[in-house]
């Protein structure tokens, strides 16, 4: 039994948990592989590299499934709903990782470029905040981005402001990419009470 739901919905998106029992690693590979359309652009500011083989995608599905089973995190495949362009397609993945000792959740997302500019990041954040505060009883949710990633900055600032959160600051050498290089990161946080007040 896990604390995270296997499936969720928001206005325009469906969320399906990444798990060996539910996720086709070959579909994951098609979306996240080194051969996927504009994958270098999609992963430029991420901490992982495009998958080189289907086995890389299988490894991620197994890792994500283990985190889900252990109640440490939930990664979800995002799919646009019926009225959206690209309905049912693999649009990307989004995660909520939990530090139970600190009652802290961390958000993460990546989207295939053809799904950029639709406001999906903010819609997913709203759904994940509800999960974090209403279901998991967390105290804070945080999100970080590479300091050079202007698109992420704009998207994050919009939903952080909407839900009463704040920019905590820039962390020098705050992140590490898969290849070992470091980068400055910017961190934001939203508290349970801030979120509740913003929804009134």
N, C-alpha and C. Protein backbone atom coordinates (compact mmCIF):
# COMPACT_ATOMS: atom_id res chain seq x y z
N UNK A 1 0.85 -1.19 0.00
CA UNK A 1 0.00 0.00 0.00
C UNK A 1 0.89 1.24 0.00
N UNK A 2 0.50 2.21 -0.81
CA UNK A 2 1.27 3.45 -0.88
C UNK A 2 0.37 4.63 -0.55
N UNK A 3 1.00 5.73 -0.18
CA UNK A 3 0.26 6.94 0.16
C UNK A 3 -0.13 7.75 -1.07
N UNK A 4 0.53 7.49 -2.19
CA UNK A 4 0.28 8.26 -3.40
C UNK A 4 -0.79 7.58 -4.25
N UNK A 5 -1.65 8.35 -4.90
CA UNK A 5 -2.62 7.73 -5.81
C UNK A 5 -1.93 7.20 -7.06
N UNK A 6 -2.50 6.16 -7.64
CA UNK A 6 -1.95 5.61 -8.88
C UNK A 6 -2.32 6.47 -10.08
N UNK A 7 -3.44 7.16 -10.00
CA UNK A 7 -3.89 8.03 -11.08
C UNK A 7 -4.51 9.29 -10.49
N UNK A 8 -4.39 10.38 -11.21
CA UNK A 8 -5.03 11.64 -10.82
C UNK A 8 -5.48 12.36 -12.09
N UNK A 9 -6.28 13.40 -11.89
CA UNK A 9 -6.68 14.25 -13.00
C UNK A 9 -6.66 15.70 -12.55
N UNK A 10 -6.48 16.58 -13.53
CA UNK A 10 -6.73 18.01 -13.34
C UNK A 10 -7.54 18.46 -14.54
N UNK A 11 -7.73 19.74 -14.70
CA UNK A 11 -8.65 20.23 -15.74
C UNK A 11 -8.32 19.68 -17.12
N UNK A 12 -7.04 19.71 -17.50
CA UNK A 12 -6.67 19.31 -18.87
C UNK A 12 -5.73 18.11 -18.94
N UNK A 13 -5.33 17.58 -17.78
CA UNK A 13 -4.31 16.53 -17.76
C UNK A 13 -4.76 15.31 -16.97
N UNK A 14 -4.25 14.15 -17.41
CA UNK A 14 -4.32 12.91 -16.65
C UNK A 14 -2.92 12.57 -16.17
N UNK A 15 -2.84 11.97 -14.98
CA UNK A 15 -1.56 11.62 -14.35
C UNK A 15 -1.57 10.12 -14.08
N UNK A 16 -0.61 9.40 -14.64
CA UNK A 16 -0.51 7.95 -14.45
C UNK A 16 0.84 7.65 -13.81
N UNK A 17 0.83 6.96 -12.68
CA UNK A 17 2.06 6.73 -11.95
C UNK A 17 3.05 5.92 -12.79
N UNK A 18 4.33 6.29 -12.70
CA UNK A 18 5.39 5.54 -13.36
C UNK A 18 5.74 4.36 -12.47
N UNK A 19 5.47 3.18 -12.98
CA UNK A 19 5.66 1.94 -12.20
C UNK A 19 5.76 0.77 -13.16
N UNK A 20 6.60 -0.23 -12.85
CA UNK A 20 6.73 -1.37 -13.76
C UNK A 20 5.40 -2.07 -14.05
N UNK A 21 4.45 -2.01 -13.13
CA UNK A 21 3.15 -2.64 -13.35
C UNK A 21 2.25 -1.84 -14.28
N UNK A 22 2.61 -0.57 -14.53
CA UNK A 22 1.70 0.31 -15.25
C UNK A 22 2.31 1.04 -16.45
N UNK A 23 3.63 1.14 -16.51
CA UNK A 23 4.30 1.98 -17.50
C UNK A 23 5.05 1.13 -18.51
N UNK A 24 4.84 1.41 -19.78
CA UNK A 24 5.56 0.74 -20.86
C UNK A 24 6.92 1.42 -21.02
N UNK A 25 8.01 0.73 -20.71
CA UNK A 25 9.33 1.37 -20.83
C UNK A 25 9.67 1.78 -22.26
N UNK A 26 9.09 1.10 -23.25
CA UNK A 26 9.36 1.48 -24.63
C UNK A 26 8.68 2.80 -24.99
N UNK A 27 7.51 3.06 -24.42
CA UNK A 27 6.88 4.37 -24.61
C UNK A 27 7.72 5.45 -23.93
N UNK A 28 8.23 5.14 -22.74
CA UNK A 28 9.11 6.08 -22.04
C UNK A 28 10.35 6.36 -22.89
N UNK A 29 10.91 5.32 -23.47
CA UNK A 29 12.10 5.47 -24.30
C UNK A 29 11.82 6.33 -25.53
N UNK A 30 10.68 6.11 -26.16
CA UNK A 30 10.32 6.90 -27.34
C UNK A 30 10.27 8.38 -27.02
N UNK A 31 9.81 8.74 -25.83
CA UNK A 31 9.69 10.15 -25.44
C UNK A 31 10.99 10.72 -24.90
N UNK A 32 11.79 9.91 -24.21
CA UNK A 32 12.95 10.42 -23.46
C UNK A 32 14.30 10.00 -24.04
N UNK A 33 14.30 9.34 -25.17
CA UNK A 33 15.56 8.83 -25.71
C UNK A 33 16.34 9.89 -26.45
N UNK A 34 17.58 9.59 -26.75
CA UNK A 34 18.47 10.49 -27.48
C UNK A 34 17.97 10.73 -28.90
N UNK A 35 17.02 9.91 -29.36
CA UNK A 35 16.47 10.07 -30.71
C UNK A 35 15.16 10.85 -30.74
N UNK A 36 14.61 11.18 -29.58
CA UNK A 36 13.33 11.88 -29.53
C UNK A 36 13.45 13.29 -30.09
N UNK A 37 12.38 13.78 -30.67
CA UNK A 37 12.36 15.11 -31.27
C UNK A 37 12.70 16.19 -30.25
N UNK A 38 13.71 17.02 -30.55
CA UNK A 38 14.13 18.17 -29.75
C UNK A 38 14.52 17.77 -28.32
N UNK A 39 15.03 16.55 -28.14
CA UNK A 39 15.33 16.08 -26.79
C UNK A 39 16.47 16.87 -26.15
N UNK A 40 17.44 17.32 -26.93
CA UNK A 40 18.52 18.12 -26.34
C UNK A 40 17.99 19.43 -25.79
N UNK A 41 17.04 20.02 -26.49
CA UNK A 41 16.39 21.24 -26.01
C UNK A 41 15.58 20.96 -24.75
N UNK A 42 14.89 19.82 -24.74
CA UNK A 42 14.02 19.47 -23.60
C UNK A 42 14.82 19.20 -22.34
N UNK A 43 16.01 18.65 -22.49
CA UNK A 43 16.80 18.24 -21.31
C UNK A 43 17.96 19.19 -21.00
N UNK A 44 18.05 20.29 -21.70
CA UNK A 44 19.20 21.19 -21.55
C UNK A 44 19.45 21.58 -20.09
N UNK A 45 18.41 21.86 -19.34
CA UNK A 45 18.56 22.33 -17.96
C UNK A 45 18.19 21.26 -16.93
N UNK A 46 18.03 20.03 -17.36
CA UNK A 46 17.64 18.97 -16.44
C UNK A 46 18.86 18.27 -15.86
N UNK A 47 18.63 17.48 -14.82
CA UNK A 47 19.74 16.78 -14.17
C UNK A 47 19.95 15.38 -14.74
N UNK A 48 19.17 15.00 -15.76
CA UNK A 48 19.36 13.70 -16.39
C UNK A 48 19.59 13.87 -17.88
N UNK A 49 20.28 12.91 -18.47
CA UNK A 49 20.58 12.91 -19.89
C UNK A 49 19.55 12.06 -20.64
N UNK A 50 19.36 12.32 -21.93
CA UNK A 50 18.46 11.47 -22.72
C UNK A 50 18.86 9.99 -22.59
N UNK A 51 17.86 9.13 -22.60
CA UNK A 51 18.11 7.70 -22.45
C UNK A 51 18.78 7.15 -23.71
N UNK A 52 19.87 6.43 -23.52
CA UNK A 52 20.63 5.89 -24.65
C UNK A 52 20.02 4.59 -25.18
N UNK A 53 19.42 3.80 -24.30
CA UNK A 53 18.85 2.51 -24.70
C UNK A 53 17.51 2.31 -24.01
N UNK A 54 16.68 1.39 -24.53
CA UNK A 54 15.44 1.06 -23.83
C UNK A 54 15.69 0.57 -22.40
N UNK A 55 16.84 -0.04 -22.16
CA UNK A 55 17.16 -0.50 -20.81
C UNK A 55 17.32 0.67 -19.84
N UNK A 56 17.80 1.82 -20.33
CA UNK A 56 17.87 3.02 -19.48
C UNK A 56 16.46 3.43 -19.04
N UNK A 57 15.51 3.37 -19.97
CA UNK A 57 14.13 3.73 -19.64
C UNK A 57 13.53 2.71 -18.68
N UNK A 58 13.82 1.44 -18.89
CA UNK A 58 13.35 0.41 -17.95
C UNK A 58 13.91 0.67 -16.56
N UNK A 59 15.20 1.04 -16.49
CA UNK A 59 15.81 1.32 -15.19
C UNK A 59 15.12 2.47 -14.48
N UNK A 60 14.76 3.51 -15.24
CA UNK A 60 14.05 4.63 -14.62
C UNK A 60 12.68 4.20 -14.13
N UNK A 61 11.95 3.45 -14.94
CA UNK A 61 10.62 2.97 -14.54
C UNK A 61 10.72 2.14 -13.26
N UNK A 62 11.73 1.27 -13.18
CA UNK A 62 11.91 0.45 -11.98
C UNK A 62 12.28 1.30 -10.77
N UNK A 63 13.16 2.27 -10.96
CA UNK A 63 13.56 3.16 -9.87
C UNK A 63 12.35 3.95 -9.36
N UNK A 64 11.60 4.55 -10.28
CA UNK A 64 10.43 5.33 -9.90
C UNK A 64 9.40 4.45 -9.21
N UNK A 65 9.22 3.23 -9.70
CA UNK A 65 8.28 2.31 -9.07
C UNK A 65 8.69 1.95 -7.66
N UNK A 66 10.00 1.78 -7.44
CA UNK A 66 10.49 1.49 -6.09
C UNK A 66 10.24 2.65 -5.14
N UNK A 67 10.46 3.88 -5.61
CA UNK A 67 10.18 5.04 -4.77
C UNK A 67 8.69 5.13 -4.43
N UNK A 68 7.86 4.83 -5.40
CA UNK A 68 6.40 4.85 -5.18
C UNK A 68 6.00 3.81 -4.14
N UNK A 69 6.51 2.59 -4.31
CA UNK A 69 6.18 1.51 -3.37
C UNK A 69 6.65 1.82 -1.96
N UNK A 70 7.78 2.51 -1.84
CA UNK A 70 8.35 2.83 -0.53
C UNK A 70 7.79 4.12 0.07
N UNK A 71 6.91 4.81 -0.67
CA UNK A 71 6.32 6.05 -0.16
C UNK A 71 7.29 7.22 -0.15
N UNK A 72 8.33 7.17 -0.98
CA UNK A 72 9.34 8.24 -1.02
C UNK A 72 9.04 9.29 -2.08
N UNK A 73 8.39 8.88 -3.15
CA UNK A 73 8.13 9.80 -4.26
C UNK A 73 7.10 9.17 -5.19
N UNK A 74 6.49 10.01 -5.98
CA UNK A 74 5.63 9.53 -7.07
C UNK A 74 5.97 10.31 -8.32
N UNK A 75 6.31 9.58 -9.38
CA UNK A 75 6.53 10.14 -10.70
C UNK A 75 5.30 9.77 -11.54
N UNK A 76 4.80 10.73 -12.29
CA UNK A 76 3.62 10.47 -13.11
C UNK A 76 3.89 10.83 -14.56
N UNK A 77 3.36 10.01 -15.47
CA UNK A 77 3.30 10.37 -16.89
C UNK A 77 2.14 11.34 -17.04
N UNK A 78 2.38 12.44 -17.73
CA UNK A 78 1.34 13.43 -18.00
C UNK A 78 0.78 13.20 -19.39
N UNK A 79 -0.56 13.15 -19.48
CA UNK A 79 -1.22 12.99 -20.78
C UNK A 79 -2.34 14.02 -20.91
N UNK A 80 -2.37 14.77 -21.99
CA UNK A 80 -3.49 15.69 -22.21
C UNK A 80 -4.81 14.92 -22.32
N UNK A 81 -5.86 15.52 -21.80
CA UNK A 81 -7.18 14.91 -21.85
C UNK A 81 -7.84 15.10 -23.22
N UNK A 82 -9.03 14.58 -23.36
CA UNK A 82 -9.68 14.41 -24.66
C UNK A 82 -9.79 15.69 -25.48
N UNK A 83 -10.05 16.84 -24.87
CA UNK A 83 -10.27 18.06 -25.64
C UNK A 83 -8.98 18.79 -26.01
N UNK A 84 -7.85 18.26 -25.60
CA UNK A 84 -6.56 18.92 -25.84
C UNK A 84 -5.89 18.39 -27.11
N UNK A 85 -5.11 19.26 -27.76
CA UNK A 85 -4.27 18.82 -28.87
C UNK A 85 -3.28 17.79 -28.32
N UNK A 86 -3.16 16.66 -29.01
CA UNK A 86 -2.27 15.60 -28.54
C UNK A 86 -2.89 14.77 -27.44
N UNK A 87 -4.20 14.69 -27.41
CA UNK A 87 -4.90 13.94 -26.36
C UNK A 87 -4.35 12.52 -26.24
N UNK A 88 -4.07 12.12 -25.01
CA UNK A 88 -3.60 10.77 -24.73
C UNK A 88 -2.12 10.54 -24.96
N UNK A 89 -1.44 11.50 -25.55
CA UNK A 89 -0.01 11.32 -25.82
C UNK A 89 0.82 11.49 -24.55
N UNK A 90 2.00 10.94 -24.58
CA UNK A 90 2.99 11.08 -23.52
C UNK A 90 3.56 12.50 -23.62
N UNK A 91 3.12 13.40 -22.72
CA UNK A 91 3.56 14.79 -22.78
C UNK A 91 4.82 15.05 -21.97
N UNK A 92 5.10 14.20 -20.99
CA UNK A 92 6.26 14.37 -20.12
C UNK A 92 6.02 13.64 -18.82
N UNK A 93 6.86 13.91 -17.84
CA UNK A 93 6.67 13.33 -16.51
C UNK A 93 6.82 14.43 -15.47
N UNK A 94 6.20 14.19 -14.33
CA UNK A 94 6.29 15.13 -13.21
C UNK A 94 6.36 14.33 -11.92
N UNK A 95 7.12 14.84 -10.96
CA UNK A 95 7.35 14.09 -9.72
C UNK A 95 7.08 14.95 -8.50
N UNK A 96 6.74 14.25 -7.43
CA UNK A 96 6.70 14.83 -6.09
C UNK A 96 7.52 13.91 -5.20
N UNK A 97 8.67 14.41 -4.73
CA UNK A 97 9.51 13.64 -3.81
C UNK A 97 9.30 14.17 -2.40
N UNK A 98 9.30 13.28 -1.42
CA UNK A 98 8.95 13.68 -0.05
C UNK A 98 10.07 13.36 0.92
N UNK A 99 10.41 14.36 1.74
CA UNK A 99 11.28 14.18 2.90
C UNK A 99 10.35 14.20 4.11
N UNK A 100 10.02 13.02 4.60
CA UNK A 100 9.02 12.91 5.67
C UNK A 100 9.50 13.53 6.97
N UNK A 101 10.80 13.45 7.25
CA UNK A 101 11.32 14.02 8.49
C UNK A 101 11.13 15.53 8.54
N UNK A 102 11.24 16.18 7.40
CA UNK A 102 11.07 17.64 7.34
C UNK A 102 9.68 18.05 6.87
N UNK A 103 8.83 17.07 6.57
CA UNK A 103 7.48 17.32 6.02
C UNK A 103 7.57 18.25 4.82
N UNK A 104 8.47 17.89 3.91
CA UNK A 104 8.82 18.73 2.78
C UNK A 104 8.67 17.94 1.48
N UNK A 105 7.96 18.54 0.52
CA UNK A 105 7.84 17.94 -0.80
C UNK A 105 8.61 18.76 -1.82
N UNK A 106 9.19 18.08 -2.80
CA UNK A 106 9.93 18.73 -3.87
C UNK A 106 9.30 18.40 -5.21
N UNK A 107 9.01 19.43 -5.99
CA UNK A 107 8.39 19.26 -7.30
C UNK A 107 9.44 19.14 -8.39
N UNK A 108 9.11 18.40 -9.43
CA UNK A 108 9.95 18.32 -10.62
C UNK A 108 9.07 18.02 -11.82
N UNK A 109 9.48 18.51 -13.00
CA UNK A 109 8.71 18.27 -14.22
C UNK A 109 9.61 18.39 -15.43
N UNK A 110 9.30 17.63 -16.47
CA UNK A 110 9.84 17.90 -17.79
C UNK A 110 8.73 17.61 -18.80
N UNK A 111 8.69 18.42 -19.83
CA UNK A 111 7.69 18.28 -20.88
C UNK A 111 8.37 18.21 -22.23
N UNK A 112 7.81 17.42 -23.12
CA UNK A 112 8.28 17.42 -24.50
C UNK A 112 8.00 18.79 -25.10
N UNK A 113 8.90 19.34 -25.92
CA UNK A 113 8.75 20.71 -26.40
C UNK A 113 7.42 21.02 -27.08
N UNK A 114 6.81 20.04 -27.76
CA UNK A 114 5.55 20.35 -28.43
C UNK A 114 4.43 20.66 -27.45
N UNK A 115 4.65 20.37 -26.16
CA UNK A 115 3.64 20.66 -25.14
C UNK A 115 4.00 21.89 -24.30
N UNK A 116 5.05 22.59 -24.68
CA UNK A 116 5.42 23.81 -23.98
C UNK A 116 4.42 24.92 -24.28
N UNK A 117 4.35 25.90 -23.39
CA UNK A 117 3.55 27.09 -23.64
C UNK A 117 2.06 26.92 -23.42
N UNK A 118 1.65 25.82 -22.81
CA UNK A 118 0.23 25.57 -22.59
C UNK A 118 -0.20 25.79 -21.14
N UNK A 119 0.75 26.12 -20.27
CA UNK A 119 0.41 26.29 -18.86
C UNK A 119 0.30 24.99 -18.09
N UNK A 120 0.81 23.90 -18.66
CA UNK A 120 0.71 22.60 -17.99
C UNK A 120 1.53 22.56 -16.70
N UNK A 121 2.65 23.28 -16.66
CA UNK A 121 3.48 23.27 -15.45
C UNK A 121 2.70 23.82 -14.26
N UNK A 122 2.02 24.94 -14.46
CA UNK A 122 1.23 25.52 -13.37
C UNK A 122 0.03 24.67 -13.00
N UNK A 123 -0.62 24.08 -13.99
CA UNK A 123 -1.76 23.21 -13.70
C UNK A 123 -1.31 22.00 -12.89
N UNK A 124 -0.19 21.42 -13.28
CA UNK A 124 0.35 20.28 -12.53
C UNK A 124 0.75 20.70 -11.12
N UNK A 125 1.35 21.89 -10.97
CA UNK A 125 1.74 22.36 -9.64
C UNK A 125 0.52 22.49 -8.73
N UNK A 126 -0.57 23.03 -9.25
CA UNK A 126 -1.79 23.18 -8.44
C UNK A 126 -2.29 21.83 -7.97
N UNK A 127 -2.26 20.84 -8.85
CA UNK A 127 -2.73 19.49 -8.47
C UNK A 127 -1.80 18.86 -7.45
N UNK A 128 -0.50 19.06 -7.61
CA UNK A 128 0.48 18.46 -6.71
C UNK A 128 0.47 19.13 -5.33
N UNK A 129 0.18 20.43 -5.30
CA UNK A 129 0.07 21.11 -4.01
C UNK A 129 -1.12 20.56 -3.23
N UNK A 130 -2.20 20.31 -3.92
CA UNK A 130 -3.37 19.70 -3.28
C UNK A 130 -3.01 18.33 -2.71
N UNK A 131 -2.28 17.53 -3.50
CA UNK A 131 -1.83 16.22 -3.03
C UNK A 131 -0.92 16.37 -1.81
N UNK A 132 0.03 17.29 -1.88
CA UNK A 132 1.02 17.45 -0.81
C UNK A 132 0.39 17.90 0.49
N UNK A 133 -0.52 18.86 0.42
CA UNK A 133 -1.06 19.45 1.64
C UNK A 133 -2.33 18.74 2.13
N UNK A 134 -3.24 18.42 1.23
CA UNK A 134 -4.50 17.80 1.66
C UNK A 134 -4.35 16.32 1.98
N UNK A 135 -3.59 15.60 1.18
CA UNK A 135 -3.49 14.15 1.35
C UNK A 135 -2.29 13.73 2.19
N UNK A 136 -1.14 14.36 1.94
CA UNK A 136 0.10 13.92 2.58
C UNK A 136 0.46 14.73 3.82
N UNK A 137 -0.28 15.79 4.10
CA UNK A 137 -0.09 16.59 5.31
C UNK A 137 1.32 17.14 5.43
N UNK A 138 1.88 17.61 4.31
CA UNK A 138 3.21 18.21 4.34
C UNK A 138 3.11 19.66 4.79
N UNK A 139 4.24 20.22 5.23
CA UNK A 139 4.27 21.60 5.71
C UNK A 139 4.70 22.57 4.60
N UNK A 140 5.61 22.12 3.74
CA UNK A 140 6.14 22.97 2.66
C UNK A 140 6.34 22.15 1.39
N UNK A 141 6.22 22.85 0.29
CA UNK A 141 6.58 22.30 -1.02
C UNK A 141 7.60 23.25 -1.63
N UNK A 142 8.69 22.71 -2.16
CA UNK A 142 9.73 23.52 -2.77
C UNK A 142 9.93 23.12 -4.22
N UNK A 143 10.47 24.04 -4.98
CA UNK A 143 10.81 23.78 -6.37
C UNK A 143 12.06 24.59 -6.69
N UNK A 144 12.94 24.00 -7.50
CA UNK A 144 14.17 24.68 -7.90
C UNK A 144 14.31 24.63 -9.42
N UNK A 145 15.06 25.59 -9.95
CA UNK A 145 15.40 25.57 -11.37
C UNK A 145 16.82 26.06 -11.56
N UNK A 146 17.42 25.65 -12.66
CA UNK A 146 18.72 26.16 -13.06
C UNK A 146 18.60 27.68 -13.21
N UNK A 147 19.53 28.42 -12.64
CA UNK A 147 19.46 29.88 -12.66
C UNK A 147 19.46 30.45 -14.08
N UNK A 148 19.94 29.70 -15.05
CA UNK A 148 19.97 30.17 -16.44
C UNK A 148 18.69 29.83 -17.21
N UNK A 149 17.79 29.08 -16.61
CA UNK A 149 16.59 28.61 -17.31
C UNK A 149 15.45 29.62 -17.14
N UNK A 150 15.36 30.53 -18.10
CA UNK A 150 14.36 31.60 -18.03
C UNK A 150 12.93 31.10 -18.18
N UNK A 151 12.72 30.09 -19.03
CA UNK A 151 11.37 29.57 -19.22
C UNK A 151 10.83 28.97 -17.93
N UNK A 152 11.66 28.20 -17.25
CA UNK A 152 11.23 27.62 -15.97
C UNK A 152 11.00 28.71 -14.93
N UNK A 153 11.89 29.70 -14.92
CA UNK A 153 11.72 30.79 -13.95
C UNK A 153 10.36 31.45 -14.10
N UNK A 154 9.99 31.78 -15.33
CA UNK A 154 8.71 32.46 -15.56
C UNK A 154 7.53 31.58 -15.15
N UNK A 155 7.57 30.31 -15.52
CA UNK A 155 6.48 29.40 -15.18
C UNK A 155 6.36 29.22 -13.66
N UNK A 156 7.49 29.03 -13.00
CA UNK A 156 7.48 28.80 -11.55
C UNK A 156 7.03 30.05 -10.81
N UNK A 157 7.54 31.20 -11.20
CA UNK A 157 7.17 32.43 -10.51
C UNK A 157 5.66 32.68 -10.59
N UNK A 158 5.06 32.34 -11.73
CA UNK A 158 3.61 32.55 -11.87
C UNK A 158 2.84 31.73 -10.84
N UNK A 159 3.16 30.42 -10.73
CA UNK A 159 2.34 29.63 -9.80
C UNK A 159 2.76 29.82 -8.35
N UNK A 160 4.01 30.14 -8.10
CA UNK A 160 4.42 30.42 -6.71
C UNK A 160 3.70 31.68 -6.20
N UNK A 161 3.63 32.71 -7.04
CA UNK A 161 2.91 33.92 -6.65
C UNK A 161 1.42 33.62 -6.47
N UNK A 162 0.87 32.84 -7.37
CA UNK A 162 -0.57 32.50 -7.30
C UNK A 162 -0.93 31.82 -5.99
N UNK A 163 -0.03 31.00 -5.48
CA UNK A 163 -0.32 30.24 -4.27
C UNK A 163 0.37 30.80 -3.02
N UNK A 164 0.81 32.06 -3.08
CA UNK A 164 1.29 32.75 -1.89
C UNK A 164 2.68 32.38 -1.43
N UNK A 165 3.46 31.73 -2.28
CA UNK A 165 4.81 31.31 -1.90
C UNK A 165 5.82 32.41 -2.06
N UNK A 166 7.09 32.04 -2.00
CA UNK A 166 8.16 33.03 -2.08
C UNK A 166 9.39 32.45 -2.76
N UNK A 167 10.23 33.39 -3.25
CA UNK A 167 11.54 33.02 -3.77
C UNK A 167 12.48 33.00 -2.57
N UNK A 168 13.08 31.84 -2.29
CA UNK A 168 13.96 31.71 -1.13
C UNK A 168 15.36 32.22 -1.41
N UNK A 169 15.80 32.13 -2.66
CA UNK A 169 17.13 32.64 -2.99
C UNK A 169 17.84 31.78 -4.01
N UNK A 170 19.02 32.25 -4.40
CA UNK A 170 19.85 31.53 -5.36
C UNK A 170 20.95 30.79 -4.61
N UNK A 171 21.09 29.51 -4.94
CA UNK A 171 22.09 28.66 -4.29
C UNK A 171 23.26 28.46 -5.25
N UNK A 172 24.42 28.96 -4.87
CA UNK A 172 25.59 28.78 -5.72
C UNK A 172 26.01 27.31 -5.71
N UNK A 173 26.24 26.77 -6.91
CA UNK A 173 26.54 25.34 -7.08
C UNK A 173 25.47 24.48 -6.39
N UNK A 174 24.21 24.92 -6.53
CA UNK A 174 23.12 24.24 -5.84
C UNK A 174 22.65 22.96 -6.47
N UNK A 175 23.02 22.71 -7.73
CA UNK A 175 22.58 21.49 -8.41
C UNK A 175 23.71 20.78 -9.10
N UNK A 176 23.52 19.48 -9.34
CA UNK A 176 24.53 18.67 -10.02
C UNK A 176 23.84 17.91 -11.14
N UNK A 177 24.41 18.02 -12.36
CA UNK A 177 23.86 17.27 -13.49
C UNK A 177 24.41 15.85 -13.48
N UNK A 178 23.81 15.01 -14.34
CA UNK A 178 24.21 13.61 -14.40
C UNK A 178 25.68 13.45 -14.77
N UNK A 179 26.22 14.40 -15.56
CA UNK A 179 27.61 14.30 -15.97
C UNK A 179 28.58 14.85 -14.91
N UNK A 180 28.04 15.31 -13.76
CA UNK A 180 28.87 15.78 -12.68
C UNK A 180 29.10 17.28 -12.65
N UNK A 181 28.70 18.00 -13.69
CA UNK A 181 28.86 19.44 -13.67
C UNK A 181 27.86 20.07 -12.70
N UNK A 182 28.26 21.18 -12.12
CA UNK A 182 27.40 21.86 -11.15
C UNK A 182 26.84 23.14 -11.76
N UNK A 183 25.76 23.63 -11.18
CA UNK A 183 25.14 24.86 -11.66
C UNK A 183 24.47 25.57 -10.49
N UNK A 184 24.27 26.87 -10.64
CA UNK A 184 23.54 27.63 -9.64
C UNK A 184 22.05 27.34 -9.79
N UNK A 185 21.36 27.19 -8.68
CA UNK A 185 19.93 26.93 -8.72
C UNK A 185 19.18 27.99 -7.93
N UNK A 186 17.93 28.20 -8.30
CA UNK A 186 17.06 29.14 -7.61
C UNK A 186 15.94 28.34 -6.96
N UNK A 187 15.67 28.62 -5.68
CA UNK A 187 14.69 27.84 -4.93
C UNK A 187 13.51 28.72 -4.50
N UNK A 188 12.33 28.13 -4.59
CA UNK A 188 11.09 28.74 -4.16
C UNK A 188 10.39 27.78 -3.21
N UNK A 189 9.54 28.33 -2.33
CA UNK A 189 8.78 27.48 -1.43
C UNK A 189 7.37 28.01 -1.25
N UNK A 190 6.46 27.10 -0.99
CA UNK A 190 5.06 27.41 -0.69
C UNK A 190 4.70 26.65 0.58
N UNK A 191 4.18 27.35 1.58
CA UNK A 191 3.77 26.72 2.82
C UNK A 191 2.30 26.36 2.81
N UNK A 192 1.94 25.42 3.65
CA UNK A 192 0.56 24.97 3.74
C UNK A 192 -0.40 26.13 4.01
N UNK A 193 -0.06 27.00 4.97
CA UNK A 193 -0.96 28.09 5.33
C UNK A 193 -1.04 29.12 4.21
N UNK A 194 0.07 29.38 3.52
CA UNK A 194 0.05 30.30 2.39
C UNK A 194 -0.86 29.78 1.29
N UNK A 195 -0.72 28.49 1.00
CA UNK A 195 -1.54 27.85 -0.02
C UNK A 195 -3.01 27.90 0.33
N UNK A 196 -3.33 27.61 1.58
CA UNK A 196 -4.73 27.63 2.02
C UNK A 196 -5.31 29.04 1.91
N UNK A 197 -4.53 30.05 2.31
CA UNK A 197 -5.01 31.43 2.24
C UNK A 197 -5.22 31.87 0.81
N UNK A 198 -4.37 31.44 -0.09
CA UNK A 198 -4.48 31.83 -1.51
C UNK A 198 -5.70 31.21 -2.16
N UNK A 199 -6.20 30.12 -1.62
CA UNK A 199 -7.37 29.46 -2.21
C UNK A 199 -8.68 30.03 -1.67
N UNK A 200 -8.64 30.86 -0.63
CA UNK A 200 -9.88 31.39 -0.05
C UNK A 200 -10.53 32.43 -0.97
